[in-house]
Amino acid sequence: MIPRYTPADFAELWSPTRRFAVWLDVELAACEAMEDDGTVPRGTAASLRGKELVLYPARIEEIERTTKHDVIAFLAHVEELAGREARWLHRGMTSSDVLDTSLAILLRDAADRLLARCDRLLASLASRARAHATTPMIGRSHGVFAEPITFGLALAGHHAEIARARARLETARREIAVGKISGAVGTYAHLSPAIETRALASLGLEPETVSTQVVARDRHAAYFSAMALAAAAIERLAVNVRHWQRSDVAEAEEAFTAGQKGSSAMPHKRNPVLSENLCGLARVVRAAVIPALEDIALWHERDISHSSVERIFAPDATATLAFMLERAADLIEGLVVYPERMKENLERAKELYFSEAVLLALVDAGLPRQEAYVLVQRNAMLAWQGQGRFRDLLAADADIRAKLDPKELGSLFDLDHALAHVPAILERALR
């Protein structure tokens, strides 16, 4: 990704320097495991580590221009630096033993960093949800006034969704932490399952069940899909912030800092640019899913149609999601909330949000549901048209009055009753 949307730790994670260092870690882990098996002279891996090799990506790229093969270029460079002992590296191995195992390490480490960022966003949402647990606001369906909720409840819903996204990322992290050191087509012809198990264990990985020549790509597809769902969860949050910040809603808005400008033409503008940015970046993360799914069906034991895709999307998608999680946490921590405006919007709804309570009371009083619906709706429509207050219109309706006395009718207009279960829902989401 471009630097604008790449956190520093992800730039380092996916850098050529880090990639080749992990390749060397994989080779040395395999070499050490082969020493235990008697295939490689004892002390070879320790001796190579003792040389504290410094790999030069530019030199590897220079060699690759001749070899047209990145792993061979890497091994040639290691031999340049380490001398004859390096001949024991890669014994019985194939390129995918290095590439797939190192990719598993990088994706696992990326997942750890994503999970830590999820934790920060969850903490931010929980804190703001609790702070506004009892701040009433109008709920909306289809963008239209529905029934009351609280602002804390709205945030708790986002917390629950991010928590599910985190759980999926954790599962994907576990599933991707799988490598292979099984040689060409995965038969261990010049290796053994024991060598693979020891080498991978030292790297914090498990062996692929049946590796063919590559680690199965359904694992990678699951990983990218989990990231896409996390990005979608952030996008839903961002969409809500954008709606809350609309001038005609004005219930919450992004923090607007000193010196910030909203428009090059209109000095009055305070635009939800962070939220809009998050919606755009979610598309980038989601874009990795279809190619990842298409990577699953490789020819026979392997081809390399997946390789170019992963070189682009693995860094891009992980770095972008990391940026999104950071930005979403900043957004929630700095979100400016306007409870008085929420109260004004509740009042604009003219108590129409108690229509269901009246409907149910009429049903309880013996009216058929559809007949009761017609009675409540005709008064609600008059209230919408400005012909009176909903409660007063109901009280003046002879058909309503025949079933509900004024005290019964008045008791239905109770905001506390409408929101009575919100604390329990909040705790279920945040515990």
Protein backbone atom coordinates (compact mmCIF):
# COMPACT_ATOMS: atom_id res chain seq x y z
CA MET A 1 0.00 0.00 0.00
CA ILE A 2 0.98 3.62 -0.28
CA PRO A 3 2.65 5.08 2.85
CA ARG A 4 -0.43 7.22 3.60
CA TYR A 5 -2.37 4.12 4.69
CA THR A 6 0.47 1.89 5.94
CA PRO A 7 1.28 1.80 9.68
CA ALA A 8 5.02 1.77 10.35
CA ASP A 9 5.03 -1.72 11.89
CA PHE A 10 3.30 -3.14 8.79
CA ALA A 11 5.76 -1.39 6.47
CA GLU A 12 8.52 -3.15 8.39
CA LEU A 13 6.66 -6.47 8.49
CA TRP A 14 6.29 -6.65 4.70
CA SER A 15 9.63 -5.09 3.80
CA PRO A 16 12.10 -7.06 1.63
CA THR A 17 14.56 -7.00 4.55
CA ARG A 18 12.07 -8.72 6.85
CA ARG A 19 10.92 -11.16 4.15
CA PHE A 20 14.42 -12.44 3.41
CA ALA A 21 15.27 -12.59 7.13
CA VAL A 22 12.25 -14.88 7.66
CA TRP A 23 13.31 -17.01 4.69
CA LEU A 24 16.67 -17.47 6.39
CA ASP A 25 14.94 -18.33 9.68
CA VAL A 26 13.00 -21.07 7.88
CA GLU A 27 16.12 -22.46 6.23
CA LEU A 28 18.04 -22.51 9.51
CA ALA A 29 15.14 -24.14 11.37
CA ALA A 30 15.01 -26.88 8.75
CA CYS A 31 18.80 -27.26 8.84
CA GLU A 32 18.75 -27.66 12.63
CA ALA A 33 16.00 -30.26 12.41
CA MET A 34 18.05 -32.17 9.82
CA GLU A 35 21.03 -32.15 12.20
CA ASP A 36 18.94 -34.08 14.74
CA ASP A 37 18.14 -36.54 11.98
CA GLY A 38 21.80 -36.98 11.05
CA THR A 39 21.26 -35.62 7.55
CA VAL A 40 23.34 -32.47 8.12
CA PRO A 41 26.56 -32.19 10.19
CA ARG A 42 25.88 -31.12 13.78
CA GLY A 43 26.54 -27.48 14.54
CA THR A 44 25.88 -26.27 11.00
CA ALA A 45 22.88 -24.09 11.88
CA ALA A 46 24.61 -22.68 14.96
CA SER A 47 27.69 -21.86 12.91
CA LEU A 48 25.63 -20.11 10.25
CA ARG A 49 23.73 -18.14 12.89
CA GLY A 50 27.02 -17.16 14.46
CA LYS A 51 28.06 -15.45 11.25
CA GLU A 52 25.21 -12.96 11.85
CA LEU A 53 24.56 -12.70 8.15
CA VAL A 54 23.24 -9.36 6.89
CA LEU A 55 21.23 -9.96 3.73
CA TYR A 56 21.07 -7.30 1.03
CA PRO A 57 17.74 -7.31 -0.85
CA ALA A 58 19.26 -5.30 -3.71
CA ARG A 59 21.89 -8.01 -4.25
CA ILE A 60 19.24 -10.75 -4.22
CA GLU A 61 17.24 -8.82 -6.81
CA GLU A 62 20.38 -8.41 -8.91
CA ILE A 63 21.00 -12.17 -8.90
CA GLU A 64 17.33 -12.84 -9.65
CA ARG A 65 17.56 -10.83 -12.85
CA THR A 66 19.78 -13.66 -14.11
CA THR A 67 18.24 -16.70 -12.37
CA LYS A 68 14.61 -15.60 -12.88
CA HIS A 69 13.97 -17.42 -9.57
CA ASP A 70 13.75 -15.60 -6.26
CA VAL A 71 14.54 -18.50 -3.90
CA ILE A 72 17.59 -19.55 -5.93
CA ALA A 73 18.77 -15.93 -5.94
CA PHE A 74 18.31 -15.80 -2.16
CA LEU A 75 20.27 -19.04 -1.63
CA ALA A 76 23.04 -17.84 -3.95
CA HIS A 77 23.37 -14.65 -1.90
CA VAL A 78 23.49 -16.61 1.36
CA GLU A 79 26.27 -18.75 -0.10
CA GLU A 80 28.17 -15.59 -1.08
CA LEU A 81 28.02 -14.42 2.52
CA ALA A 82 28.36 -17.69 4.43
CA GLY A 83 30.66 -19.77 2.29
CA ARG A 84 30.73 -23.54 1.91
CA GLU A 85 28.62 -24.27 5.01
CA ALA A 86 25.61 -22.79 3.23
CA ARG A 87 25.57 -25.81 0.92
CA TRP A 88 23.65 -27.69 3.64
CA LEU A 89 20.72 -25.27 3.46
CA HIS A 90 17.62 -26.25 1.49
CA ARG A 91 18.61 -29.94 1.46
CA GLY A 92 15.67 -31.95 0.08
CA MET A 93 13.47 -28.86 0.12
CA THR A 94 11.50 -27.06 -2.58
CA SER A 95 10.87 -23.35 -2.96
CA SER A 96 7.37 -23.52 -1.50
CA ASP A 97 8.79 -24.97 1.72
CA VAL A 98 10.43 -21.59 2.20
CA LEU A 99 7.78 -19.37 0.61
CA ASP A 100 4.66 -20.86 2.19
CA THR A 101 6.21 -21.33 5.62
CA SER A 102 7.56 -17.78 5.69
CA LEU A 103 4.21 -16.42 4.45
CA ALA A 104 2.51 -18.26 7.33
CA ILE A 105 4.88 -16.55 9.78
CA LEU A 106 4.23 -13.12 8.31
CA LEU A 107 0.44 -13.57 8.19
CA ARG A 108 0.45 -14.92 11.74
CA ASP A 109 2.45 -11.92 12.95
CA ALA A 110 0.17 -9.58 11.01
CA ALA A 111 -2.84 -11.18 12.70
CA ASP A 112 -1.30 -10.60 16.13
CA ARG A 113 -0.97 -6.90 15.34
CA LEU A 114 -4.52 -6.74 13.99
CA LEU A 115 -5.88 -8.41 17.12
CA ALA A 116 -4.11 -5.88 19.34
CA ARG A 117 -5.71 -3.06 17.33
CA CYS A 118 -9.12 -4.75 17.63
CA ASP A 119 -8.68 -4.71 21.40
CA ARG A 120 -8.10 -0.98 21.40
CA LEU A 121 -11.19 -0.33 19.25
CA LEU A 122 -13.29 -2.60 21.48
CA ALA A 123 -12.11 -0.75 24.59
CA SER A 124 -12.98 2.59 22.99
CA LEU A 125 -16.47 1.43 22.00
CA ALA A 126 -17.13 -0.08 25.44
CA SER A 127 -16.08 3.11 27.22
CA ARG A 128 -18.30 5.36 25.10
CA ALA A 129 -21.21 2.89 25.18
CA ARG A 130 -21.19 2.84 28.98
CA ALA A 131 -20.89 6.62 29.15
CA HIS A 132 -24.05 6.96 27.03
CA ALA A 133 -25.91 3.90 28.27
CA THR A 134 -28.92 6.03 29.23
CA THR A 135 -28.66 8.79 26.61
CA PRO A 136 -31.96 8.42 24.73
CA MET A 137 -32.15 8.91 20.98
CA ILE A 138 -34.63 8.03 18.29
CA GLY A 139 -34.01 4.74 16.53
CA ARG A 140 -34.40 4.68 12.77
CA SER A 141 -35.35 2.06 10.24
CA HIS A 142 -35.14 2.92 6.52
CA GLY A 143 -33.74 6.24 7.78
CA VAL A 144 -37.17 7.05 9.27
CA PHE A 145 -38.04 7.58 12.95
CA ALA A 146 -38.85 4.22 14.55
CA GLU A 147 -38.74 3.62 18.33
CA PRO A 148 -36.37 4.97 21.00
CA ILE A 149 -32.97 3.47 21.73
CA THR A 150 -29.97 4.92 23.56
CA PHE A 151 -26.74 6.09 22.02
CA GLY A 152 -24.92 3.62 24.23
CA LEU A 153 -27.01 0.79 22.79
CA ALA A 154 -26.09 1.84 19.25
CA LEU A 155 -22.40 1.73 20.15
CA ALA A 156 -22.82 -1.58 21.97
CA GLY A 157 -24.12 -3.11 18.74
CA HIS A 158 -20.93 -2.04 16.99
CA HIS A 159 -18.89 -3.43 19.89
CA ALA A 160 -20.58 -6.81 19.51
CA GLU A 161 -19.88 -6.86 15.77
CA ILE A 162 -16.21 -5.93 16.19
CA ALA A 163 -15.91 -8.62 18.88
CA ARG A 164 -17.22 -11.21 16.41
CA ALA A 165 -14.78 -9.92 13.80
CA ARG A 166 -11.95 -10.28 16.31
CA ALA A 167 -12.97 -13.86 17.06
CA ARG A 168 -12.89 -14.66 13.33
CA LEU A 169 -9.44 -13.10 13.01
CA GLU A 170 -8.24 -15.19 15.94
CA THR A 171 -9.55 -18.34 14.26
CA ALA A 172 -7.93 -17.29 10.98
CA ARG A 173 -4.65 -16.67 12.80
CA ARG A 174 -4.73 -20.18 14.20
CA GLU A 175 -5.61 -21.68 10.82
CA ILE A 176 -2.93 -19.80 8.90
CA ALA A 177 -0.11 -20.67 11.34
CA VAL A 178 0.71 -23.77 9.26
CA GLY A 179 3.80 -24.44 7.18
CA LYS A 180 5.38 -27.18 5.14
CA ILE A 181 8.87 -28.64 4.85
CA SER A 182 7.93 -31.71 2.88
CA GLY A 183 9.81 -31.26 -0.39
CA ALA A 184 8.59 -31.38 -3.95
CA VAL A 185 4.92 -32.48 -4.14
CA GLY A 186 4.90 -32.97 -0.37
CA THR A 187 6.04 -36.60 -0.12
CA TYR A 188 9.15 -36.08 2.09
CA ALA A 189 11.19 -38.00 -0.50
CA HIS A 190 14.46 -36.55 0.88
CA LEU A 191 13.13 -35.37 4.24
CA SER A 192 10.79 -36.83 6.86
CA PRO A 193 7.67 -35.77 8.75
CA ALA A 194 9.78 -35.69 11.93
CA ILE A 195 12.16 -33.12 10.42
CA GLU A 196 9.19 -31.00 9.35
CA THR A 197 7.52 -31.18 12.76
CA ARG A 198 10.69 -30.17 14.63
CA ALA A 199 11.52 -27.34 12.25
CA LEU A 200 8.01 -25.88 12.23
CA ALA A 201 7.65 -26.19 16.00
CA SER A 202 10.76 -24.02 16.45
CA LEU A 203 9.03 -21.41 14.26
CA GLY A 204 5.74 -21.61 16.16
CA LEU A 205 3.88 -23.37 13.35
CA GLU A 206 2.02 -26.63 12.77
CA PRO A 207 2.54 -28.88 9.72
CA GLU A 208 0.01 -28.81 6.88
CA THR A 209 -2.07 -32.01 6.95
CA VAL A 210 -1.52 -32.82 3.26
CA SER A 211 0.67 -30.17 1.72
CA THR A 212 1.06 -31.27 -1.91
CA GLN A 213 3.76 -28.81 -2.96
CA VAL A 214 2.01 -25.92 -1.23
CA VAL A 215 0.01 -25.16 1.87
CA ALA A 216 -3.68 -25.43 0.92
CA ARG A 217 -5.07 -22.05 -0.09
CA ASP A 218 -8.44 -22.41 1.60
CA ARG A 219 -6.54 -21.33 4.72
CA HIS A 220 -5.53 -18.07 3.07
CA ALA A 221 -9.03 -17.51 1.70
CA ALA A 222 -10.44 -17.86 5.22
CA TYR A 223 -7.87 -15.37 6.49
CA PHE A 224 -8.70 -12.73 3.87
CA SER A 225 -12.43 -13.34 4.40
CA ALA A 226 -12.06 -12.74 8.15
CA MET A 227 -10.29 -9.47 7.39
CA ALA A 228 -13.02 -8.46 4.97
CA LEU A 229 -15.69 -9.00 7.63
CA ALA A 230 -13.70 -6.90 10.08
CA ALA A 231 -13.45 -4.13 7.47
CA ALA A 232 -17.20 -4.37 6.83
CA ALA A 233 -17.88 -4.02 10.56
CA ILE A 234 -15.78 -0.85 10.65
CA GLU A 235 -17.58 0.43 7.55
CA ARG A 236 -20.99 -0.01 9.21
CA LEU A 237 -19.75 2.01 12.17
CA ALA A 238 -18.40 4.69 9.84
CA VAL A 239 -21.67 4.86 7.91
CA ASN A 240 -23.55 5.50 11.16
CA VAL A 241 -21.15 8.27 12.12
CA ARG A 242 -21.65 9.85 8.71
CA HIS A 243 -25.43 9.79 9.22
CA TRP A 244 -25.22 11.15 12.77
CA GLN A 245 -23.08 14.02 11.47
CA ARG A 246 -25.54 15.05 8.74
CA SER A 247 -26.70 18.63 9.32
CA ASP A 248 -30.35 17.56 9.55
CA VAL A 249 -29.49 14.91 12.17
CA ALA A 250 -26.51 16.46 14.02
CA GLU A 251 -26.48 13.97 16.91
CA ALA A 252 -22.73 13.23 16.88
CA GLU A 253 -19.74 14.24 14.80
CA GLU A 254 -16.08 13.57 14.26
CA ALA A 255 -13.71 15.70 16.32
CA PHE A 256 -12.79 18.86 14.42
CA THR A 257 -9.32 19.95 15.52
CA ALA A 258 -7.77 23.41 15.68
CA GLY A 259 -6.57 24.48 12.24
CA GLN A 260 -8.53 21.76 10.44
CA LYS A 261 -10.29 22.77 7.22
CA GLY A 262 -13.45 21.19 5.85
CA SER A 263 -13.63 22.61 2.37
CA SER A 264 -11.37 24.58 0.03
CA ALA A 265 -14.38 26.66 -1.02
CA MET A 266 -16.73 26.79 2.01
CA PRO A 267 -15.12 27.79 5.31
CA HIS A 268 -18.13 26.65 7.35
CA LYS A 269 -17.83 22.96 6.40
CA ARG A 270 -17.09 20.19 8.97
CA ASN A 271 -17.13 17.02 6.91
CA PRO A 272 -17.02 13.38 8.15
CA VAL A 273 -13.80 12.74 6.23
CA LEU A 274 -12.44 10.06 8.57
CA SER A 275 -15.60 7.99 8.30
CA GLU A 276 -15.79 8.40 4.55
CA ASN A 277 -12.15 7.33 4.31
CA LEU A 278 -12.94 4.18 6.31
CA CYS A 279 -15.79 3.32 3.94
CA GLY A 280 -13.44 3.63 0.98
CA LEU A 281 -10.67 1.55 2.54
CA ALA A 282 -13.14 -1.23 3.39
CA ARG A 283 -13.50 -1.74 -0.36
CA VAL A 284 -9.75 -2.30 -0.64
CA VAL A 285 -9.76 -5.01 2.02
CA ARG A 286 -12.85 -6.70 0.57
CA ALA A 287 -11.19 -6.69 -2.86
CA ALA A 288 -8.78 -9.39 -1.64
CA VAL A 289 -11.50 -11.97 -1.02
CA ILE A 290 -12.40 -13.02 -4.57
CA PRO A 291 -8.77 -13.44 -5.70
CA ALA A 292 -8.05 -15.39 -2.50
CA LEU A 293 -10.97 -17.72 -3.23
CA GLU A 294 -9.79 -18.13 -6.80
CA ASP A 295 -6.32 -19.08 -5.52
CA ILE A 296 -7.70 -22.25 -3.95
CA ALA A 297 -7.98 -24.21 -7.20
CA LEU A 298 -4.37 -24.71 -8.29
CA TRP A 299 -3.30 -27.24 -10.92
CA HIS A 300 -2.53 -30.71 -9.56
CA GLU A 301 0.06 -30.43 -6.76
CA ARG A 302 0.70 -26.74 -7.45
CA ASP A 303 1.14 -23.91 -9.88
CA ILE A 304 2.12 -20.31 -9.13
CA SER A 305 -1.02 -18.47 -10.20
CA HIS A 306 -1.59 -17.66 -6.50
CA SER A 307 1.86 -16.20 -5.92
CA SER A 308 1.52 -12.84 -7.64
CA VAL A 309 -1.89 -12.30 -6.06
CA GLU A 310 -0.60 -12.86 -2.54
CA ARG A 311 2.45 -10.66 -3.02
CA ILE A 312 0.05 -7.77 -3.64
CA PHE A 313 -2.90 -8.51 -1.37
CA ALA A 314 -1.19 -9.91 1.71
CA PRO A 315 0.66 -6.67 2.47
CA ASP A 316 -2.12 -4.41 1.14
CA ALA A 317 -5.06 -5.98 2.95
CA THR A 318 -3.33 -6.46 6.32
CA ALA A 319 -1.80 -2.97 6.33
CA THR A 320 -5.07 -1.36 5.25
CA LEU A 321 -7.09 -3.13 7.92
CA ALA A 322 -4.51 -2.16 10.55
CA PHE A 323 -4.84 1.46 9.47
CA MET A 324 -8.63 1.20 9.56
CA LEU A 325 -8.65 -0.22 13.09
CA GLU A 326 -6.39 2.58 14.31
CA ARG A 327 -8.48 5.25 12.61
CA ALA A 328 -11.75 3.77 13.90
CA ALA A 329 -10.43 3.80 17.47
CA ASP A 330 -9.31 7.42 17.07
CA LEU A 331 -12.73 8.26 15.64
CA ILE A 332 -14.66 6.77 18.56
CA GLU A 333 -12.34 8.18 21.22
CA GLY A 334 -12.72 11.67 19.77
CA LEU A 335 -16.39 11.45 18.77
CA VAL A 336 -18.37 14.53 19.86
CA VAL A 337 -21.85 13.57 21.08
CA TYR A 338 -24.83 15.95 21.32
CA PRO A 339 -27.41 14.52 23.78
CA GLU A 340 -29.54 17.68 23.58
CA ARG A 341 -29.83 17.29 19.82
CA MET A 342 -30.86 13.66 20.33
CA LYS A 343 -33.56 14.91 22.70
CA GLU A 344 -34.72 17.44 20.09
CA ASN A 345 -35.02 14.71 17.47
CA LEU A 346 -37.02 12.58 19.89
CA GLU A 347 -39.38 15.51 20.35
CA ARG A 348 -39.63 15.97 16.57
CA ALA A 349 -41.02 12.46 16.42
CA LYS A 350 -44.09 13.79 18.33
CA GLU A 351 -44.34 10.65 20.52
CA LEU A 352 -45.30 8.63 17.43
CA TYR A 353 -42.75 6.05 18.58
CA PHE A 354 -45.30 4.89 21.17
CA SER A 355 -47.61 3.66 18.38
CA GLU A 356 -46.73 0.00 18.95
CA ALA A 357 -47.47 0.26 22.68
CA VAL A 358 -50.95 1.62 21.83
CA LEU A 359 -51.48 -1.08 19.21
CA LEU A 360 -50.65 -3.85 21.69
CA ALA A 361 -52.84 -2.31 24.40
CA LEU A 362 -55.81 -2.30 22.02
CA VAL A 363 -55.16 -5.93 21.12
CA ASP A 364 -54.97 -6.78 24.84
CA ALA A 365 -58.28 -4.94 25.25
CA GLY A 366 -59.93 -7.29 22.75
CA LEU A 367 -59.64 -5.66 19.34
CA PRO A 368 -58.43 -7.75 16.37
CA ARG A 369 -54.85 -6.74 15.54
CA GLN A 370 -55.58 -5.41 12.05
CA GLU A 371 -58.53 -3.36 13.27
CA ALA A 372 -56.40 -1.94 16.07
CA TYR A 373 -53.64 -1.15 13.55
CA VAL A 374 -56.05 0.90 11.42
CA LEU A 375 -57.20 2.92 14.44
CA VAL A 376 -53.65 3.75 15.57
CA GLN A 377 -52.41 4.45 12.05
CA ARG A 378 -55.17 6.92 11.17
CA ASN A 379 -54.26 9.04 14.21
CA ALA A 380 -50.55 8.70 13.54
CA MET A 381 -50.99 9.96 9.99
CA LEU A 382 -52.92 12.99 11.25
CA ALA A 383 -50.09 13.74 13.68
CA TRP A 384 -47.51 13.45 10.86
CA GLN A 385 -49.57 15.94 8.86
CA GLY A 386 -49.44 18.41 11.73
CA GLN A 387 -53.15 18.15 12.62
CA GLY A 388 -52.53 17.58 16.31
CA ARG A 389 -50.47 15.84 18.95
CA PHE A 390 -50.53 12.03 18.65
CA ARG A 391 -51.55 11.47 22.26
CA ASP A 392 -54.34 14.06 22.06
CA LEU A 393 -55.64 12.66 18.76
CA LEU A 394 -55.83 9.17 20.28
CA ALA A 395 -57.61 10.49 23.36
CA ALA A 396 -60.19 12.23 21.15
CA ASP A 397 -60.82 9.14 19.00
CA ALA A 398 -64.10 7.54 20.13
CA ASP A 399 -63.05 4.06 18.95
CA ILE A 400 -59.84 4.28 21.00
CA ARG A 401 -61.61 5.76 23.99
CA ALA A 402 -64.05 2.86 23.98
CA LYS A 403 -61.18 0.47 24.71
CA LEU A 404 -58.67 2.57 26.69
CA ASP A 405 -59.51 5.10 29.40
CA PRO A 406 -57.32 8.24 29.70
CA LYS A 407 -55.19 6.76 32.49
CA GLU A 408 -54.51 3.57 30.53
CA LEU A 409 -53.68 5.57 27.43
CA GLY A 410 -51.37 7.93 29.32
CA SER A 411 -49.44 5.05 30.87
CA LEU A 412 -48.43 3.84 27.40
CA PHE A 413 -46.36 6.97 26.75
CA ASP A 414 -43.50 5.91 29.00
CA LEU A 415 -39.92 6.29 27.69
CA ASP A 416 -38.45 4.46 30.70
CA HIS A 417 -40.62 1.44 29.93
CA ALA A 418 -39.51 1.51 26.29
CA LEU A 419 -35.85 1.47 27.33
CA ALA A 420 -36.13 -0.77 30.39
CA HIS A 421 -34.11 -3.65 28.94
CA VAL A 422 -31.31 -1.54 27.45
CA PRO A 423 -28.96 -1.95 30.46
CA ALA A 424 -29.21 -5.73 30.21
CA ILE A 425 -28.55 -5.68 26.46
CA LEU A 426 -25.56 -3.40 27.03
CA GLU A 427 -24.02 -5.69 29.61
CA ARG A 428 -24.61 -8.74 27.41
CA ALA A 429 -22.68 -6.98 24.65
CA LEU A 430 -19.85 -5.58 26.77
CA ARG A 431 -19.21 -8.19 29.43
